[in-house]
C-alpha cells in the first residue's frame, strides 16, 4: 500500500506550505494523480483524514483529479490516449501505440502526483 507514504509526503508539503504562509487553517487541497501511478484515491482521502488530525490541515477538503494516460509514439508520432488492460497493482502494463502497436512510446501524461493548489485561511 504505497498510498500511505505518498499521502504522508503530500500532507507534509501541505502543512509546511501552510506554516510558511502563517495559515490558521487549510481549507482545500487540489491534487492531480496520474492513472498510471495506481494510487487509490479513496484510500488517499481516508489517509488524509486520519493523518491530519490535530493539524492545520484537519478537516480540509481534498479534490483529486485523475489524469488519464497520454502517449507519443516514436514510430508513427501518434499522440493521444491509450487503452490498457489489467489491474495496475499486480503488474506493470505494456503500453502500446493504438495506431501502430509500437511499444517505443513516451508517456506524456498519467504519471503525475502533484499538489496544484492549496486554499488556506
N, C-alpha and C. Protein backbone atom coordinates (compact mmCIF):
# COMPACT_ATOMS: atom_id res chain seq x y z
N UNK A 1 0.85 -1.18 0.00
CA UNK A 1 0.00 0.00 0.00
C UNK A 1 0.89 1.24 0.00
N UNK A 2 1.24 1.72 -1.19
CA UNK A 2 2.09 2.89 -1.30
C UNK A 2 1.35 4.18 -1.06
N UNK A 3 0.04 4.11 -0.90
CA UNK A 3 -0.76 5.30 -0.62
C UNK A 3 -0.34 5.98 0.68
N UNK A 4 0.06 5.20 1.68
CA UNK A 4 0.42 5.78 2.97
C UNK A 4 1.62 6.72 2.84
N UNK A 5 2.67 6.27 2.18
CA UNK A 5 3.86 7.12 2.06
C UNK A 5 3.59 8.33 1.17
N UNK A 6 2.84 8.15 0.11
CA UNK A 6 2.51 9.27 -0.78
C UNK A 6 1.64 10.28 -0.03
N UNK A 7 0.61 9.79 0.67
CA UNK A 7 -0.27 10.68 1.43
C UNK A 7 0.53 11.45 2.48
N UNK A 8 1.45 10.76 3.15
CA UNK A 8 2.28 11.41 4.15
C UNK A 8 3.11 12.54 3.56
N UNK A 9 3.70 12.30 2.40
CA UNK A 9 4.50 13.33 1.74
C UNK A 9 3.64 14.51 1.31
N UNK A 10 2.43 14.24 0.82
CA UNK A 10 1.53 15.31 0.41
C UNK A 10 1.12 16.14 1.63
N UNK A 11 0.74 15.48 2.71
CA UNK A 11 0.33 16.20 3.92
C UNK A 11 1.49 17.01 4.48
N UNK A 12 2.69 16.45 4.49
CA UNK A 12 3.86 17.20 4.96
C UNK A 12 4.05 18.48 4.14
N UNK A 13 3.93 18.38 2.83
CA UNK A 13 4.09 19.54 1.96
C UNK A 13 2.98 20.57 2.20
N UNK A 14 1.76 20.10 2.39
CA UNK A 14 0.62 21.00 2.65
C UNK A 14 0.82 21.74 3.97
N UNK A 15 1.17 21.02 5.01
CA UNK A 15 1.35 21.64 6.33
C UNK A 15 2.55 22.59 6.31
N UNK A 16 3.62 22.21 5.65
CA UNK A 16 4.79 23.08 5.53
C UNK A 16 4.43 24.38 4.81
N UNK A 17 3.68 24.27 3.73
CA UNK A 17 3.25 25.46 2.99
C UNK A 17 2.34 26.33 3.83
N UNK A 18 1.43 25.71 4.57
CA UNK A 18 0.53 26.47 5.45
C UNK A 18 1.32 27.24 6.50
N UNK A 19 2.30 26.59 7.11
CA UNK A 19 3.13 27.24 8.14
C UNK A 19 3.92 28.40 7.54
N UNK A 20 4.51 28.20 6.37
CA UNK A 20 5.30 29.25 5.73
C UNK A 20 4.45 30.47 5.38
N UNK A 21 3.14 30.26 5.23
CA UNK A 21 2.23 31.36 4.89
C UNK A 21 1.39 31.81 6.08
N UNK A 22 1.80 31.39 7.28
CA UNK A 22 1.11 31.77 8.52
C UNK A 22 -0.38 31.47 8.50
N UNK A 23 -0.74 30.36 7.91
CA UNK A 23 -2.16 29.97 7.79
C UNK A 23 -2.67 29.44 9.13
N UNK A 24 -3.91 29.73 9.42
CA UNK A 24 -4.58 29.18 10.58
C UNK A 24 -5.24 27.86 10.25
N UNK A 25 -5.63 27.72 8.95
CA UNK A 25 -6.41 26.55 8.55
C UNK A 25 -6.18 26.27 7.07
N UNK A 26 -6.04 24.99 6.74
CA UNK A 26 -6.05 24.56 5.34
C UNK A 26 -7.49 24.21 5.02
N UNK A 27 -8.04 24.91 4.05
CA UNK A 27 -9.44 24.70 3.68
C UNK A 27 -9.61 23.61 2.61
N UNK A 28 -8.75 23.68 1.60
CA UNK A 28 -8.91 22.79 0.45
C UNK A 28 -7.57 22.55 -0.22
N UNK A 29 -7.39 21.33 -0.72
CA UNK A 29 -6.16 20.96 -1.42
C UNK A 29 -6.56 20.34 -2.76
N UNK A 30 -5.93 20.83 -3.82
CA UNK A 30 -6.20 20.33 -5.17
C UNK A 30 -5.00 19.52 -5.64
N UNK A 31 -5.24 18.27 -5.94
CA UNK A 31 -4.18 17.33 -6.28
C UNK A 31 -4.47 16.68 -7.63
N UNK A 32 -3.41 16.43 -8.40
CA UNK A 32 -3.53 15.67 -9.64
C UNK A 32 -2.78 14.35 -9.46
N UNK A 33 -3.47 13.26 -9.77
CA UNK A 33 -2.90 11.92 -9.66
C UNK A 33 -3.04 11.24 -11.02
N UNK A 34 -1.92 10.84 -11.59
CA UNK A 34 -1.95 10.12 -12.86
C UNK A 34 -2.46 8.70 -12.67
N UNK A 35 -3.25 8.26 -13.60
CA UNK A 35 -3.84 6.92 -13.53
C UNK A 35 -2.77 5.83 -13.49
N UNK A 36 -1.63 6.07 -14.12
CA UNK A 36 -0.56 5.07 -14.15
C UNK A 36 0.18 4.93 -12.81
N UNK A 37 -0.08 5.82 -11.86
CA UNK A 37 0.53 5.69 -10.54
C UNK A 37 -0.10 4.56 -9.74
N UNK A 38 -1.29 4.14 -10.14
CA UNK A 38 -2.05 3.08 -9.46
C UNK A 38 -2.42 3.47 -8.03
N UNK A 39 -2.46 4.77 -7.75
CA UNK A 39 -2.87 5.22 -6.43
C UNK A 39 -4.39 5.17 -6.32
N UNK A 40 -4.88 4.67 -5.22
CA UNK A 40 -6.31 4.58 -4.97
C UNK A 40 -6.76 5.88 -4.31
N UNK A 41 -7.57 6.66 -5.00
CA UNK A 41 -7.96 7.98 -4.49
C UNK A 41 -8.82 7.88 -3.23
N UNK A 42 -9.63 6.84 -3.11
CA UNK A 42 -10.45 6.67 -1.89
C UNK A 42 -9.56 6.39 -0.69
N UNK A 43 -8.55 5.57 -0.88
CA UNK A 43 -7.61 5.30 0.21
C UNK A 43 -6.84 6.55 0.57
N UNK A 44 -6.42 7.32 -0.42
CA UNK A 44 -5.70 8.56 -0.15
C UNK A 44 -6.54 9.49 0.72
N UNK A 45 -7.79 9.67 0.35
CA UNK A 45 -8.66 10.58 1.12
C UNK A 45 -8.83 10.08 2.56
N UNK A 46 -8.98 8.80 2.74
CA UNK A 46 -9.10 8.23 4.08
C UNK A 46 -7.83 8.50 4.89
N UNK A 47 -6.69 8.29 4.26
CA UNK A 47 -5.42 8.52 4.94
C UNK A 47 -5.24 10.00 5.27
N UNK A 48 -5.62 10.89 4.33
CA UNK A 48 -5.54 12.33 4.60
C UNK A 48 -6.34 12.67 5.85
N UNK A 49 -7.57 12.17 5.93
CA UNK A 49 -8.42 12.44 7.09
C UNK A 49 -7.80 11.93 8.38
N UNK A 50 -7.15 10.81 8.31
CA UNK A 50 -6.57 10.19 9.51
C UNK A 50 -5.31 10.92 9.97
N UNK A 51 -4.39 11.18 9.06
CA UNK A 51 -3.09 11.72 9.48
C UNK A 51 -3.08 13.24 9.67
N UNK A 52 -4.16 13.92 9.33
CA UNK A 52 -4.19 15.37 9.53
C UNK A 52 -4.86 15.76 10.85
N UNK A 53 -5.34 14.79 11.60
CA UNK A 53 -5.98 15.11 12.88
C UNK A 53 -5.02 15.87 13.78
N UNK A 54 -5.52 16.97 14.33
CA UNK A 54 -4.71 17.78 15.22
C UNK A 54 -3.75 18.73 14.52
N UNK A 55 -3.88 18.86 13.21
CA UNK A 55 -3.01 19.77 12.44
C UNK A 55 -3.87 20.87 11.80
N UNK A 56 -3.20 21.85 11.18
CA UNK A 56 -3.93 22.91 10.48
C UNK A 56 -4.67 22.37 9.26
N UNK A 57 -4.34 21.16 8.86
CA UNK A 57 -5.00 20.56 7.69
C UNK A 57 -6.18 19.66 8.07
N UNK A 58 -6.48 19.56 9.35
CA UNK A 58 -7.60 18.71 9.77
C UNK A 58 -8.90 19.26 9.19
N UNK A 59 -9.68 18.38 8.59
CA UNK A 59 -10.97 18.75 8.01
C UNK A 59 -10.89 19.37 6.63
N UNK A 60 -9.71 19.51 6.08
CA UNK A 60 -9.57 20.09 4.74
C UNK A 60 -10.22 19.17 3.71
N UNK A 61 -10.71 19.79 2.65
CA UNK A 61 -11.31 19.03 1.56
C UNK A 61 -10.20 18.74 0.54
N UNK A 62 -10.10 17.48 0.12
CA UNK A 62 -9.10 17.08 -0.86
C UNK A 62 -9.78 16.78 -2.19
N UNK A 63 -9.51 17.62 -3.16
CA UNK A 63 -10.04 17.44 -4.51
C UNK A 63 -8.96 16.76 -5.34
N UNK A 64 -9.25 15.54 -5.75
CA UNK A 64 -8.27 14.77 -6.51
C UNK A 64 -8.76 14.60 -7.94
N UNK A 65 -7.96 15.09 -8.86
CA UNK A 65 -8.27 14.94 -10.29
C UNK A 65 -7.39 13.82 -10.83
N UNK A 66 -8.01 12.83 -11.43
CA UNK A 66 -7.27 11.71 -12.02
C UNK A 66 -6.92 12.08 -13.47
N UNK A 67 -5.64 11.97 -13.79
CA UNK A 67 -5.14 12.31 -15.12
C UNK A 67 -5.01 11.03 -15.95
N UNK A 68 -5.67 11.02 -17.09
CA UNK A 68 -5.62 9.86 -17.99
C UNK A 68 -4.25 9.77 -18.67
N UNK A 69 -3.81 8.56 -18.95
CA UNK A 69 -2.53 8.38 -19.64
C UNK A 69 -2.58 8.91 -21.08
N UNK A 70 -1.53 9.61 -21.46
CA UNK A 70 -1.36 10.07 -22.84
C UNK A 70 0.05 9.67 -23.27
N UNK A 71 0.17 9.29 -24.53
CA UNK A 71 1.48 8.90 -25.06
C UNK A 71 1.79 9.63 -26.36
N UNK A 72 3.07 9.56 -26.71
CA UNK A 72 3.50 9.97 -28.04
C UNK A 72 4.32 8.81 -28.59
N UNK A 73 3.93 8.32 -29.75
CA UNK A 73 4.60 7.18 -30.37
C UNK A 73 5.85 7.66 -31.10
N UNK A 74 6.94 6.94 -30.89
CA UNK A 74 8.20 7.29 -31.55
C UNK A 74 8.30 6.76 -32.98
N UNK A 75 7.35 5.91 -33.36
CA UNK A 75 7.36 5.39 -34.74
C UNK A 75 6.42 6.22 -35.62
N UNK A 76 5.14 6.24 -35.27
CA UNK A 76 4.15 6.89 -36.15
C UNK A 76 3.76 8.29 -35.68
N UNK A 77 4.24 8.70 -34.53
CA UNK A 77 4.01 10.03 -33.96
C UNK A 77 2.57 10.25 -33.50
N UNK A 78 1.85 9.15 -33.29
CA UNK A 78 0.52 9.25 -32.67
C UNK A 78 0.68 9.96 -31.32
N UNK A 79 -0.23 10.83 -31.01
CA UNK A 79 -0.25 11.46 -29.71
C UNK A 79 -1.69 11.43 -29.20
N UNK A 80 -1.87 10.77 -28.06
CA UNK A 80 -3.22 10.69 -27.52
C UNK A 80 -3.35 9.65 -26.43
N UNK A 81 -4.61 9.30 -26.19
CA UNK A 81 -4.93 8.36 -25.12
C UNK A 81 -4.55 6.94 -25.49
N UNK A 82 -4.43 6.14 -24.45
CA UNK A 82 -4.13 4.72 -24.64
C UNK A 82 -5.18 3.90 -23.91
N UNK A 83 -5.19 2.65 -24.24
CA UNK A 83 -6.00 1.68 -23.51
C UNK A 83 -5.08 0.60 -23.02
N UNK A 84 -5.32 0.16 -21.82
CA UNK A 84 -4.53 -0.94 -21.28
C UNK A 84 -5.45 -1.82 -20.47
N UNK A 85 -5.03 -3.02 -20.23
CA UNK A 85 -5.86 -4.00 -19.56
C UNK A 85 -5.19 -4.44 -18.28
N UNK A 86 -5.98 -4.62 -17.27
CA UNK A 86 -5.44 -5.20 -16.04
C UNK A 86 -5.44 -4.25 -14.87
N UNK A 87 -5.19 -4.82 -13.73
CA UNK A 87 -5.12 -4.05 -12.51
C UNK A 87 -3.66 -3.68 -12.28
N UNK A 88 -3.41 -2.39 -12.16
CA UNK A 88 -2.04 -1.91 -12.06
C UNK A 88 -1.34 -2.34 -10.78
N UNK A 89 -2.09 -2.74 -9.77
CA UNK A 89 -1.47 -3.15 -8.53
C UNK A 89 -0.75 -4.50 -8.66
N UNK A 90 -1.04 -5.25 -9.70
CA UNK A 90 -0.49 -6.59 -9.81
C UNK A 90 0.60 -6.73 -10.87
N UNK A 91 0.61 -5.88 -11.85
CA UNK A 91 1.66 -5.93 -12.86
C UNK A 91 1.75 -4.60 -13.57
N UNK A 92 2.88 -4.36 -14.18
CA UNK A 92 3.03 -3.15 -14.97
C UNK A 92 2.41 -3.37 -16.34
N UNK A 93 1.65 -2.41 -16.80
CA UNK A 93 1.02 -2.59 -18.11
C UNK A 93 2.05 -2.41 -19.23
N UNK A 94 1.83 -3.11 -20.31
CA UNK A 94 2.61 -2.88 -21.51
C UNK A 94 1.86 -1.81 -22.29
N UNK A 95 2.52 -0.71 -22.47
CA UNK A 95 1.86 0.42 -23.14
C UNK A 95 2.26 0.39 -24.61
N UNK A 96 1.24 0.33 -25.46
CA UNK A 96 1.46 0.27 -26.90
C UNK A 96 0.69 1.38 -27.58
N UNK A 97 1.22 1.80 -28.70
CA UNK A 97 0.54 2.79 -29.53
C UNK A 97 -0.72 2.16 -30.11
N UNK A 98 -1.89 2.79 -29.95
CA UNK A 98 -3.10 2.22 -30.52
C UNK A 98 -3.15 2.33 -32.04
N UNK A 99 -2.32 3.17 -32.62
CA UNK A 99 -2.32 3.33 -34.08
C UNK A 99 -1.45 2.30 -34.79
N UNK A 100 -0.25 1.99 -34.23
CA UNK A 100 0.67 1.09 -34.95
C UNK A 100 1.17 -0.08 -34.10
N UNK A 101 0.72 -0.16 -32.84
CA UNK A 101 1.06 -1.26 -31.93
C UNK A 101 2.52 -1.22 -31.45
N UNK A 102 3.19 -0.11 -31.64
CA UNK A 102 4.59 0.06 -31.21
C UNK A 102 4.66 0.22 -29.69
N UNK A 103 5.70 -0.36 -29.09
CA UNK A 103 5.90 -0.20 -27.65
C UNK A 103 6.92 0.90 -27.33
N UNK A 104 7.59 1.42 -28.32
CA UNK A 104 8.55 2.51 -28.12
C UNK A 104 7.78 3.84 -28.11
N UNK A 105 7.24 4.15 -26.95
CA UNK A 105 6.41 5.35 -26.79
C UNK A 105 6.91 6.14 -25.59
N UNK A 106 6.61 7.42 -25.60
CA UNK A 106 6.88 8.29 -24.45
C UNK A 106 5.55 8.57 -23.76
N UNK A 107 5.54 8.35 -22.46
CA UNK A 107 4.35 8.69 -21.67
C UNK A 107 4.43 10.17 -21.37
N UNK A 108 3.45 10.94 -21.84
CA UNK A 108 3.48 12.39 -21.64
C UNK A 108 2.49 12.85 -20.57
N UNK A 109 1.64 11.96 -20.13
CA UNK A 109 0.72 12.27 -19.03
C UNK A 109 0.25 10.96 -18.42
N UNK A 110 -0.11 11.02 -17.15
CA UNK A 110 -0.65 9.84 -16.49
C UNK A 110 0.20 9.31 -15.36
N UNK A 111 1.37 9.93 -15.14
CA UNK A 111 2.23 9.50 -14.04
C UNK A 111 2.38 10.58 -12.96
N UNK A 112 1.54 11.62 -13.06
CA UNK A 112 1.61 12.74 -12.14
C UNK A 112 1.22 12.36 -10.72
N UNK A 113 1.76 13.09 -9.79
CA UNK A 113 1.32 13.06 -8.40
C UNK A 113 1.78 14.39 -7.82
N UNK A 114 0.92 15.39 -7.94
CA UNK A 114 1.34 16.72 -7.52
C UNK A 114 0.21 17.54 -6.92
N UNK A 115 0.61 18.43 -6.05
CA UNK A 115 -0.32 19.37 -5.44
C UNK A 115 -0.39 20.57 -6.39
N UNK A 116 -1.57 20.91 -6.84
CA UNK A 116 -1.73 22.03 -7.76
C UNK A 116 -2.06 23.33 -7.05
N UNK A 117 -2.84 23.24 -5.97
CA UNK A 117 -3.26 24.45 -5.29
C UNK A 117 -3.68 24.11 -3.86
N UNK A 118 -3.40 25.03 -2.95
CA UNK A 118 -3.81 24.88 -1.55
C UNK A 118 -4.57 26.13 -1.16
N UNK A 119 -5.79 25.95 -0.67
CA UNK A 119 -6.60 27.08 -0.21
C UNK A 119 -6.47 27.15 1.31
N UNK A 120 -5.94 28.27 1.81
CA UNK A 120 -5.71 28.43 3.24
C UNK A 120 -6.44 29.67 3.77
N UNK A 121 -6.59 29.71 5.08
CA UNK A 121 -7.15 30.93 5.70
C UNK A 121 -6.36 31.25 6.95
